[in-house]
Amino acid sequence: MSTEIAKSEQPPQASLKTYLERNKGAIQQVLPKKMTADRMLKVVLSATLRTPRLLECSQVSILQSVMHAAQLGLEAGSPLGHAYLVPFFNKD
């Protein structure tokens, strides 16, 4: 008889938020001074509401995309349309 307690998994967006929060310091380091990591995280999480398929992508690839946008001073997924987060899937 197993006494393991079933792991309660977070919803995908909550899991992504937790992952991005843990990496907020790294994001802040590459952002220009006029931008904040908190705003960047809010923009990314709102992009996942508009494009739910983003949550099917790996958290690492989302973080990499956010880091690239941050280095360029762009808000990925913002209403201004500077950069977009687009889910691409590899069949391999």
PDB file of N, CA and C in Angstrom:
ATOM      1  N   MET A   1       0.843  -1.174   0.000  1.00  0.00           N
ATOM      2  CA  MET A   1       0.000   0.000   0.000  1.00  0.00           C
ATOM      3  C   MET A   1       0.888   1.237   0.000  1.00  0.00           C
ATOM      4  N   SER A   2       0.627   2.116  -0.888  1.00  0.00           N
ATOM      5  CA  SER A   2       1.443   3.316  -1.022  1.00  0.00           C
ATOM      6  C   SER A   2       0.883   4.426  -0.139  1.00  0.00           C
ATOM      7  N   THR A   3       1.778   5.106   0.546  1.00  0.00           N
ATOM      8  CA  THR A   3       1.348   6.210   1.400  1.00  0.00           C
ATOM      9  C   THR A   3       1.689   7.562   0.791  1.00  0.00           C
ATOM     10  N   GLU A   4       2.038   7.539  -0.501  1.00  0.00           N
ATOM     11  CA  GLU A   4       2.381   8.800  -1.172  1.00  0.00           C
ATOM     12  C   GLU A   4       1.144   9.660  -1.323  1.00  0.00           C
ATOM     13  N   ILE A   5       1.334  10.920  -1.117  1.00  0.00           N
ATOM     14  CA  ILE A   5       0.253  11.877  -1.335  1.00  0.00           C
ATOM     15  C   ILE A   5       0.339  12.342  -2.774  1.00  0.00           C
ATOM     16  N   ALA A   6      -0.782  12.353  -3.434  1.00  0.00           N
ATOM     17  CA  ALA A   6      -0.802  12.777  -4.837  1.00  0.00           C
ATOM     18  C   ALA A   6      -0.364  14.228  -4.945  1.00  0.00           C
ATOM     19  N   LYS A   7       0.522  14.479  -5.897  1.00  0.00           N
ATOM     20  CA  LYS A   7       0.990  15.837  -6.117  1.00  0.00           C
ATOM     21  C   LYS A   7      -0.121  16.661  -6.748  1.00  0.00           C
ATOM     22  N   SER A   8      -0.378  17.806  -6.177  1.00  0.00           N
ATOM     23  CA  SER A   8      -1.354  18.696  -6.804  1.00  0.00           C
ATOM     24  C   SER A   8      -0.586  19.585  -7.771  1.00  0.00           C
ATOM     25  N   GLU A   9      -0.937  19.454  -9.026  1.00  0.00           N
ATOM     26  CA  GLU A   9      -0.245  20.216 -10.047  1.00  0.00           C
ATOM     27  C   GLU A   9      -0.913  21.565 -10.211  1.00  0.00           C
ATOM     28  N   GLN A  10      -0.086  22.570 -10.426  1.00  0.00           N
ATOM     29  CA  GLN A  10      -0.595  23.908 -10.672  1.00  0.00           C
ATOM     30  C   GLN A  10      -1.149  23.983 -12.088  1.00  0.00           C
ATOM     31  N   PRO A  11      -2.116  24.870 -12.311  1.00  0.00           N
ATOM     32  CA  PRO A  11      -2.536  25.118 -13.690  1.00  0.00           C
ATOM     33  C   PRO A  11      -1.340  25.651 -14.488  1.00  0.00           C
ATOM     34  N   PRO A  12      -1.337  25.466 -15.810  1.00  0.00           N
ATOM     35  CA  PRO A  12      -0.168  25.863 -16.612  1.00  0.00           C
ATOM     36  C   PRO A  12       0.233  27.330 -16.442  1.00  0.00           C
ATOM     37  N   GLN A  13      -0.732  28.235 -16.367  1.00  0.00           N
ATOM     38  CA  GLN A  13      -0.374  29.643 -16.241  1.00  0.00           C
ATOM     39  C   GLN A  13       0.254  29.936 -14.875  1.00  0.00           C
ATOM     40  N   ALA A  14      -0.253  29.319 -13.823  1.00  0.00           N
ATOM     41  CA  ALA A  14       0.327  29.509 -12.489  1.00  0.00           C
ATOM     42  C   ALA A  14       1.739  28.930 -12.440  1.00  0.00           C
ATOM     43  N   SER A  15       1.930  27.795 -13.079  1.00  0.00           N
ATOM     44  CA  SER A  15       3.254  27.180 -13.126  1.00  0.00           C
ATOM     45  C   SER A  15       4.239  28.076 -13.883  1.00  0.00           C
ATOM     46  N   LEU A  16       3.794  28.646 -15.012  1.00  0.00           N
ATOM     47  CA  LEU A  16       4.653  29.554 -15.773  1.00  0.00           C
ATOM     48  C   LEU A  16       4.972  30.803 -14.956  1.00  0.00           C
ATOM     49  N   LYS A  17       3.973  31.325 -14.248  1.00  0.00           N
ATOM     50  CA  LYS A  17       4.192  32.518 -13.419  1.00  0.00           C
ATOM     51  C   LYS A  17       5.249  32.229 -12.349  1.00  0.00           C
ATOM     52  N   THR A  18       5.147  31.074 -11.711  1.00  0.00           N
ATOM     53  CA  THR A  18       6.127  30.692 -10.687  1.00  0.00           C
ATOM     54  C   THR A  18       7.521  30.600 -11.289  1.00  0.00           C
ATOM     55  N   TYR A  19       7.619  29.985 -12.461  1.00  0.00           N
ATOM     56  CA  TYR A  19       8.914  29.830 -13.132  1.00  0.00           C
ATOM     57  C   TYR A  19       9.508  31.188 -13.499  1.00  0.00           C
ATOM     58  N   LEU A  20       8.683  32.068 -14.045  1.00  0.00           N
ATOM     59  CA  LEU A  20       9.182  33.395 -14.419  1.00  0.00           C
ATOM     60  C   LEU A  20       9.556  34.224 -13.190  1.00  0.00           C
ATOM     61  N   GLU A  21       8.789  34.085 -12.121  1.00  0.00           N
ATOM     62  CA  GLU A  21       9.115  34.798 -10.874  1.00  0.00           C
ATOM     63  C   GLU A  21      10.481  34.365 -10.346  1.00  0.00           C
ATOM     64  N   ARG A  22      10.781  33.065 -10.445  1.00  0.00           N
ATOM     65  CA  ARG A  22      12.087  32.571  -9.979  1.00  0.00           C
ATOM     66  C   ARG A  22      13.224  33.145 -10.821  1.00  0.00           C
ATOM     67  N   ASN A  23      12.941  33.481 -12.065  1.00  0.00           N
ATOM     68  CA  ASN A  23      13.968  33.991 -12.977  1.00  0.00           C
ATOM     69  C   ASN A  23      13.861  35.499 -13.190  1.00  0.00           C
ATOM     70  N   LYS A  24      13.095  36.171 -12.346  1.00  0.00           N
ATOM     71  CA  LYS A  24      12.878  37.606 -12.496  1.00  0.00           C
ATOM     72  C   LYS A  24      14.180  38.402 -12.402  1.00  0.00           C
ATOM     73  N   GLY A  25      15.088  37.973 -11.563  1.00  0.00           N
ATOM     74  CA  GLY A  25      16.366  38.671 -11.420  1.00  0.00           C
ATOM     75  C   GLY A  25      17.170  38.661 -12.711  1.00  0.00           C
ATOM     76  N   ALA A  26      17.172  37.525 -13.385  1.00  0.00           N
ATOM     77  CA  ALA A  26      17.901  37.411 -14.654  1.00  0.00           C
ATOM     78  C   ALA A  26      17.259  38.295 -15.720  1.00  0.00           C
ATOM     79  N   ILE A  27      15.944  38.355 -15.722  1.00  0.00           N
ATOM     80  CA  ILE A  27      15.241  39.207 -16.683  1.00  0.00           C
ATOM     81  C   ILE A  27      15.573  40.670 -16.407  1.00  0.00           C
ATOM     82  N   GLN A  28      15.550  41.059 -15.131  1.00  0.00           N
ATOM     83  CA  GLN A  28      15.822  42.451 -14.766  1.00  0.00           C
ATOM     84  C   GLN A  28      17.231  42.869 -15.169  1.00  0.00           C
ATOM     85  N   GLN A  29      18.186  41.943 -15.112  1.00  0.00           N
ATOM     86  CA  GLN A  29      19.568  42.272 -15.466  1.00  0.00           C
ATOM     87  C   GLN A  29      19.725  42.654 -16.929  1.00  0.00           C
ATOM     88  N   VAL A  30      18.909  42.081 -17.816  1.00  0.00           N
ATOM     89  CA  VAL A  30      19.057  42.381 -19.238  1.00  0.00           C
ATOM     90  C   VAL A  30      18.111  43.477 -19.722  1.00  0.00           C
ATOM     91  N   LEU A  31      17.185  43.889 -18.877  1.00  0.00           N
ATOM     92  CA  LEU A  31      16.242  44.948 -19.264  1.00  0.00           C
ATOM     93  C   LEU A  31      16.904  46.316 -19.232  1.00  0.00           C
ATOM     94  N   PRO A  32      16.481  47.214 -20.107  1.00  0.00           N
ATOM     95  CA  PRO A  32      16.935  48.600 -19.985  1.00  0.00           C
ATOM     96  C   PRO A  32      16.390  49.204 -18.691  1.00  0.00           C
ATOM     97  N   LYS A  33      17.014  50.245 -18.214  1.00  0.00           N
ATOM     98  CA  LYS A  33      16.638  50.839 -16.931  1.00  0.00           C
ATOM     99  C   LYS A  33      15.197  51.337 -16.900  1.00  0.00           C
ATOM    100  N   LYS A  34      14.660  51.719 -18.059  1.00  0.00           N
ATOM    101  CA  LYS A  34      13.300  52.267 -18.085  1.00  0.00           C
ATOM    102  C   LYS A  34      12.213  51.193 -17.927  1.00  0.00           C
ATOM    103  N   MET A  35      12.588  49.929 -18.022  1.00  0.00           N
ATOM    104  CA  MET A  35      11.618  48.834 -17.936  1.00  0.00           C
ATOM    105  C   MET A  35      11.833  48.038 -16.655  1.00  0.00           C
ATOM    106  N   THR A  36      10.752  47.423 -16.172  1.00  0.00           N
ATOM    107  CA  THR A  36      10.862  46.594 -14.967  1.00  0.00           C
ATOM    108  C   THR A  36      10.502  45.147 -15.297  1.00  0.00           C
ATOM    109  N   ALA A  37      11.074  44.243 -14.531  1.00  0.00           N
ATOM    110  CA  ALA A  37      10.797  42.822 -14.730  1.00  0.00           C
ATOM    111  C   ALA A  37       9.346  42.507 -14.379  1.00  0.00           C
ATOM    112  N   ASP A  38       8.797  43.191 -13.379  1.00  0.00           N
ATOM    113  CA  ASP A  38       7.405  42.954 -13.005  1.00  0.00           C
ATOM    114  C   ASP A  38       6.468  43.262 -14.164  1.00  0.00           C
ATOM    115  N   ARG A  39       6.702  44.379 -14.830  1.00  0.00           N
ATOM    116  CA  ARG A  39       5.862  44.726 -15.986  1.00  0.00           C
ATOM    117  C   ARG A  39       6.025  43.695 -17.097  1.00  0.00           C
ATOM    118  N   MET A  40       7.257  43.275 -17.338  1.00  0.00           N
ATOM    119  CA  MET A  40       7.515  42.291 -18.388  1.00  0.00           C
ATOM    120  C   MET A  40       6.761  40.994 -18.094  1.00  0.00           C
ATOM    121  N   LEU A  41       6.766  40.558 -16.839  1.00  0.00           N
ATOM    122  CA  LEU A  41       6.062  39.329 -16.480  1.00  0.00           C
ATOM    123  C   LEU A  41       4.557  39.479 -16.675  1.00  0.00           C
ATOM    124  N   LYS A  42       4.021  40.636 -16.313  1.00  0.00           N
ATOM    125  CA  LYS A  42       2.587  40.866 -16.503  1.00  0.00           C
ATOM    126  C   LYS A  42       2.215  40.842 -17.975  1.00  0.00           C
ATOM    127  N   VAL A  43       3.049  41.426 -18.803  1.00  0.00           N
ATOM    128  CA  VAL A  43       2.791  41.448 -20.249  1.00  0.00           C
ATOM    129  C   VAL A  43       2.830  40.033 -20.810  1.00  0.00           C
ATOM    130  N   VAL A  44       3.803  39.238 -20.391  1.00  0.00           N
ATOM    131  CA  VAL A  44       3.925  37.864 -20.883  1.00  0.00           C
ATOM    132  C   VAL A  44       2.739  37.021 -20.429  1.00  0.00           C
ATOM    133  N   LEU A  45       2.357  37.154 -19.174  1.00  0.00           N
ATOM    134  CA  LEU A  45       1.231  36.367 -18.679  1.00  0.00           C
ATOM    135  C   LEU A  45      -0.077  36.774 -19.345  1.00  0.00           C
ATOM    136  N   SER A  46      -0.244  38.040 -19.659  1.00  0.00           N
ATOM    137  CA  SER A  46      -1.452  38.447 -20.382  1.00  0.00           C
ATOM    138  C   SER A  46      -1.409  37.931 -21.824  1.00  0.00           C
ATOM    139  N   ALA A  47      -0.227  37.784 -22.398  1.00  0.00           N
ATOM    140  CA  ALA A  47      -0.099  37.205 -23.740  1.00  0.00           C
ATOM    141  C   ALA A  47      -0.556  35.749 -23.735  1.00  0.00           C
ATOM    142  N   THR A  48      -0.332  35.045 -22.629  1.00  0.00           N
ATOM    143  CA  THR A  48      -0.776  33.652 -22.561  1.00  0.00           C
ATOM    144  C   THR A  48      -2.300  33.561 -22.473  1.00  0.00           C
ATOM    145  N   LEU A  49      -2.940  34.610 -21.981  1.00  0.00           N
ATOM    146  CA  LEU A  49      -4.406  34.630 -21.974  1.00  0.00           C
ATOM    147  C   LEU A  49      -4.950  34.826 -23.384  1.00  0.00           C
ATOM    148  N   ARG A  50      -4.266  35.667 -24.167  1.00  0.00           N
ATOM    149  CA  ARG A  50      -4.702  35.918 -25.545  1.00  0.00           C
ATOM    150  C   ARG A  50      -4.346  34.757 -26.473  1.00  0.00           C
ATOM    151  N   THR A  51      -3.233  34.078 -26.171  1.00  0.00           N
ATOM    152  CA  THR A  51      -2.767  32.951 -26.994  1.00  0.00           C
ATOM    153  C   THR A  51      -2.513  31.763 -26.072  1.00  0.00           C
ATOM    154  N   PRO A  52      -3.555  31.019 -25.708  1.00  0.00           N
ATOM    155  CA  PRO A  52      -3.400  29.916 -24.754  1.00  0.00           C
ATOM    156  C   PRO A  52      -2.435  28.819 -25.208  1.00  0.00           C
ATOM    157  N   ARG A  53      -2.204  28.691 -26.505  1.00  0.00           N
ATOM    158  CA  ARG A  53      -1.271  27.654 -26.987  1.00  0.00           C
ATOM    159  C   ARG A  53       0.157  27.922 -26.524  1.00  0.00           C
ATOM    160  N   LEU A  54       0.453  29.144 -26.092  1.00  0.00           N
ATOM    161  CA  LEU A  54       1.784  29.433 -25.538  1.00  0.00           C
ATOM    162  C   LEU A  54       2.065  28.556 -24.323  1.00  0.00           C
ATOM    163  N   LEU A  55       1.012  28.219 -23.588  1.00  0.00           N
ATOM    164  CA  LEU A  55       1.188  27.405 -22.387  1.00  0.00           C
ATOM    165  C   LEU A  55       1.580  25.970 -22.721  1.00  0.00           C
ATOM    166  N   GLU A  56       1.458  25.574 -23.989  1.00  0.00           N
ATOM    167  CA  GLU A  56       1.900  24.251 -24.414  1.00  0.00           C
ATOM    168  C   GLU A  56       3.399  24.235 -24.717  1.00  0.00           C
ATOM    169  N   CYS A  57       3.996  25.407 -24.844  1.00  0.00           N
ATOM    170  CA  CYS A  57       5.442  25.519 -25.097  1.00  0.00           C
ATOM    171  C   CYS A  57       6.196  25.266 -23.791  1.00  0.00           C
ATOM    172  N   SER A  58       7.455  24.927 -23.905  1.00  0.00           N
ATOM    173  CA  SER A  58       8.239  24.710 -22.693  1.00  0.00           C
ATOM    174  C   SER A  58       8.492  26.047 -21.996  1.00  0.00           C
ATOM    175  N   GLN A  59       8.576  25.985 -20.693  1.00  0.00           N
ATOM    176  CA  GLN A  59       8.826  27.198 -19.918  1.00  0.00           C
ATOM    177  C   GLN A  59      10.182  27.792 -20.263  1.00  0.00           C
ATOM    178  N   VAL A  60      11.137  26.942 -20.575  1.00  0.00           N
ATOM    179  CA  VAL A  60      12.473  27.409 -20.941  1.00  0.00           C
ATOM    180  C   VAL A  60      12.415  28.228 -22.226  1.00  0.00           C
ATOM    181  N   SER A  61      11.664  27.747 -23.213  1.00  0.00           N
ATOM    182  CA  SER A  61      11.596  28.493 -24.476  1.00  0.00           C
ATOM    183  C   SER A  61      10.872  29.819 -24.301  1.00  0.00           C
ATOM    184  N   ILE A  62       9.872  29.859 -23.431  1.00  0.00           N
ATOM    185  CA  ILE A  62       9.188  31.131 -23.157  1.00  0.00           C
ATOM    186  C   ILE A  62      10.147  32.092 -22.474  1.00  0.00           C
ATOM    187  N   LEU A  63      10.902  31.594 -21.495  1.00  0.00           N
ATOM    188  CA  LEU A  63      11.879  32.449 -20.812  1.00  0.00           C
ATOM    189  C   LEU A  63      12.921  32.964 -21.793  1.00  0.00           C
ATOM    190  N   GLN A  64      13.408  32.104 -22.679  1.00  0.00           N
ATOM    191  CA  GLN A  64      14.394  32.547 -23.673  1.00  0.00           C
ATOM    192  C   GLN A  64      13.821  33.647 -24.558  1.00  0.00           C
ATOM    193  N   SER A  65      12.580  33.500 -24.961  1.00  0.00           N
ATOM    194  CA  SER A  65      11.936  34.524 -25.791  1.00  0.00           C
ATOM    195  C   SER A  65      11.802  35.838 -25.043  1.00  0.00           C
ATOM    196  N   VAL A  66      11.433  35.748 -23.787  1.00  0.00           N
ATOM    197  CA  VAL A  66      11.300  36.953 -22.955  1.00  0.00           C
ATOM    198  C   VAL A  66      12.663  37.620 -22.774  1.00  0.00           C
ATOM    199  N   MET A  67      13.706  36.806 -22.571  1.00  0.00           N
ATOM    200  CA  MET A  67      15.059  37.350 -22.394  1.00  0.00           C
ATOM    201  C   MET A  67      15.541  38.051 -23.663  1.00  0.00           C
ATOM    202  N   HIS A  68      15.268  37.461 -24.827  1.00  0.00           N
ATOM    203  CA  HIS A  68      15.669  38.084 -26.094  1.00  0.00           C
ATOM    204  C   HIS A  68      14.956  39.418 -26.272  1.00  0.00           C
ATOM    205  N   ALA A  69      13.664  39.433 -26.008  1.00  0.00           N
ATOM    206  CA  ALA A  69      12.903  40.679 -26.121  1.00  0.00           C
ATOM    207  C   ALA A  69      13.425  41.713 -25.120  1.00  0.00           C
ATOM    208  N   ALA A  70      13.727  41.269 -23.904  1.00  0.00           N
ATOM    209  CA  ALA A  70      14.224  42.177 -22.871  1.00  0.00           C
ATOM    210  C   ALA A  70      15.554  42.800 -23.283  1.00  0.00           C
ATOM    211  N   GLN A  71      16.436  41.999 -23.859  1.00  0.00           N
ATOM    212  CA  GLN A  71      17.732  42.510 -24.300  1.00  0.00           C
ATOM    213  C   GLN A  71      17.569  43.604 -25.351  1.00  0.00           C
ATOM    214  N   LEU A  72      16.526  43.476 -26.164  1.00  0.00           N
ATOM    215  CA  LEU A  72      16.264  44.466 -27.210  1.00  0.00           C
ATOM    216  C   LEU A  72      15.404  45.629 -26.703  1.00  0.00           C
ATOM    217  N   GLY A  73      14.956  45.541 -25.454  1.00  0.00           N
ATOM    218  CA  GLY A  73      14.119  46.597 -24.892  1.00  0.00           C
ATOM    219  C   GLY A  73      12.687  46.547 -25.397  1.00  0.00           C
ATOM    220  N   LEU A  74      12.249  45.365 -25.834  1.00  0.00           N
ATOM    221  CA  LEU A  74      10.898  45.192 -26.358  1.00  0.00           C
ATOM    222  C   LEU A  74      10.033  44.438 -25.366  1.00  0.00           C
ATOM    223  N   GLU A  75       8.762  44.778 -25.330  1.00  0.00           N
ATOM    224  CA  GLU A  75       7.818  44.054 -24.491  1.00  0.00           C
ATOM    225  C   GLU A  75       7.146  42.995 -25.361  1.00  0.00           C
ATOM    226  N   ALA A  76       7.480  41.753 -25.131  1.00  0.00           N
ATOM    227  CA  ALA A  76       6.926  40.662 -25.931  1.00  0.00           C
ATOM    228  C   ALA A  76       5.458  40.461 -25.574  1.00  0.00           C
ATOM    229  N   GLY A  77       4.598  40.685 -26.549  1.00  0.00           N
ATOM    230  CA  GLY A  77       3.171  40.475 -26.332  1.00  0.00           C
ATOM    231  C   GLY A  77       2.430  41.700 -25.859  1.00  0.00           C
ATOM    232  N   SER A  78       3.067  42.856 -25.869  1.00  0.00           N
ATOM    233  CA  SER A  78       2.383  44.063 -25.403  1.00  0.00           C
ATOM    234  C   SER A  78       1.415  44.564 -26.469  1.00  0.00           C
ATOM    235  N   PRO A  79       0.449  45.382 -26.083  1.00  0.00           N
ATOM    236  CA  PRO A  79      -0.504  45.922 -27.050  1.00  0.00           C
ATOM    237  C   PRO A  79       0.149  46.819 -28.105  1.00  0.00           C
ATOM    238  N   LEU A  80       1.345  47.314 -27.838  1.00  0.00           N
ATOM    239  CA  LEU A  80       2.018  48.180 -28.800  1.00  0.00           C
ATOM    240  C   LEU A  80       2.530  47.404 -30.009  1.00  0.00           C
ATOM    241  N   GLY A  81       2.621  46.088 -29.890  1.00  0.00           N
ATOM    242  CA  GLY A  81       3.025  45.261 -31.024  1.00  0.00           C
ATOM    243  C   GLY A  81       4.502  45.302 -31.341  1.00  0.00           C
ATOM    244  N   HIS A  82       5.342  45.601 -30.346  1.00  0.00           N
ATOM    245  CA  HIS A  82       6.788  45.615 -30.575  1.00  0.00           C
ATOM    246  C   HIS A  82       7.326  44.231 -30.904  1.00  0.00           C
ATOM    247  N   ALA A  83       6.824  43.238 -30.205  1.00  0.00           N
ATOM    248  CA  ALA A  83       7.259  41.851 -30.404  1.00  0.00           C
ATOM    249  C   ALA A  83       6.098  40.943 -30.028  1.00  0.00           C
ATOM    250  N   TYR A  84       6.073  39.765 -30.624  1.00  0.00           N
ATOM    251  CA  TYR A  84       5.002  38.814 -30.350  1.00  0.00           C
ATOM    252  C   TYR A  84       5.579  37.492 -29.900  1.00  0.00           C
ATOM    253  N   LEU A  85       4.880  36.832 -29.006  1.00  0.00           N
ATOM    254  CA  LEU A  85       5.215  35.471 -28.618  1.00  0.00           C
ATOM    255  C   LEU A  85       4.332  34.555 -29.459  1.00  0.00           C
ATOM    256  N   VAL A  86       4.966  33.752 -30.301  1.00  0.00           N
ATOM    257  CA  VAL A  86       4.233  32.893 -31.230  1.00  0.00           C
ATOM    258  C   VAL A  86       4.639  31.445 -30.952  1.00  0.00           C
ATOM    259  N   PRO A  87       3.657  30.591 -30.652  1.00  0.00           N
ATOM    260  CA  PRO A  87       4.006  29.191 -30.393  1.00  0.00           C
ATOM    261  C   PRO A  87       4.292  28.433 -31.681  1.00  0.00           C
ATOM    262  N   PHE A  88       5.475  27.848 -31.758  1.00  0.00           N
ATOM    263  CA  PHE A  88       5.852  26.982 -32.866  1.00  0.00           C
ATOM    264  C   PHE A  88       6.110  25.608 -32.284  1.00  0.00           C
ATOM    265  N   PHE A  89       5.720  24.599 -33.009  1.00  0.00           N
ATOM    266  CA  PHE A  89       5.894  23.236 -32.492  1.00  0.00           C
ATOM    267  C   PHE A  89       6.734  22.428 -33.466  1.00  0.00           C
ATOM    268  N   ASN A  90       7.662  21.694 -32.900  1.00  0.00           N
ATOM    269  CA  ASN A  90       8.566  20.849 -33.664  1.00  0.00           C
ATOM    270  C   ASN A  90       8.059  19.409 -33.536  1.00  0.00           C
ATOM    271  N   LYS A  91       7.855  18.747 -34.639  1.00  0.00           N
ATOM    272  CA  LYS A  91       7.320  17.383 -34.611  1.00  0.00           C
ATOM    273  C   LYS A  91       8.345  16.369 -34.118  1.00  0.00           C
ATOM    274  N   ASP A  92       9.611  16.747 -34.087  1.00  0.00           N
ATOM    275  CA  ASP A  92      10.654  15.781 -33.666  1.00  0.00           C
ATOM    276  C   ASP A  92      10.760  15.692 -32.174  1.00  0.00           C
TER     277      ASP A  92
END
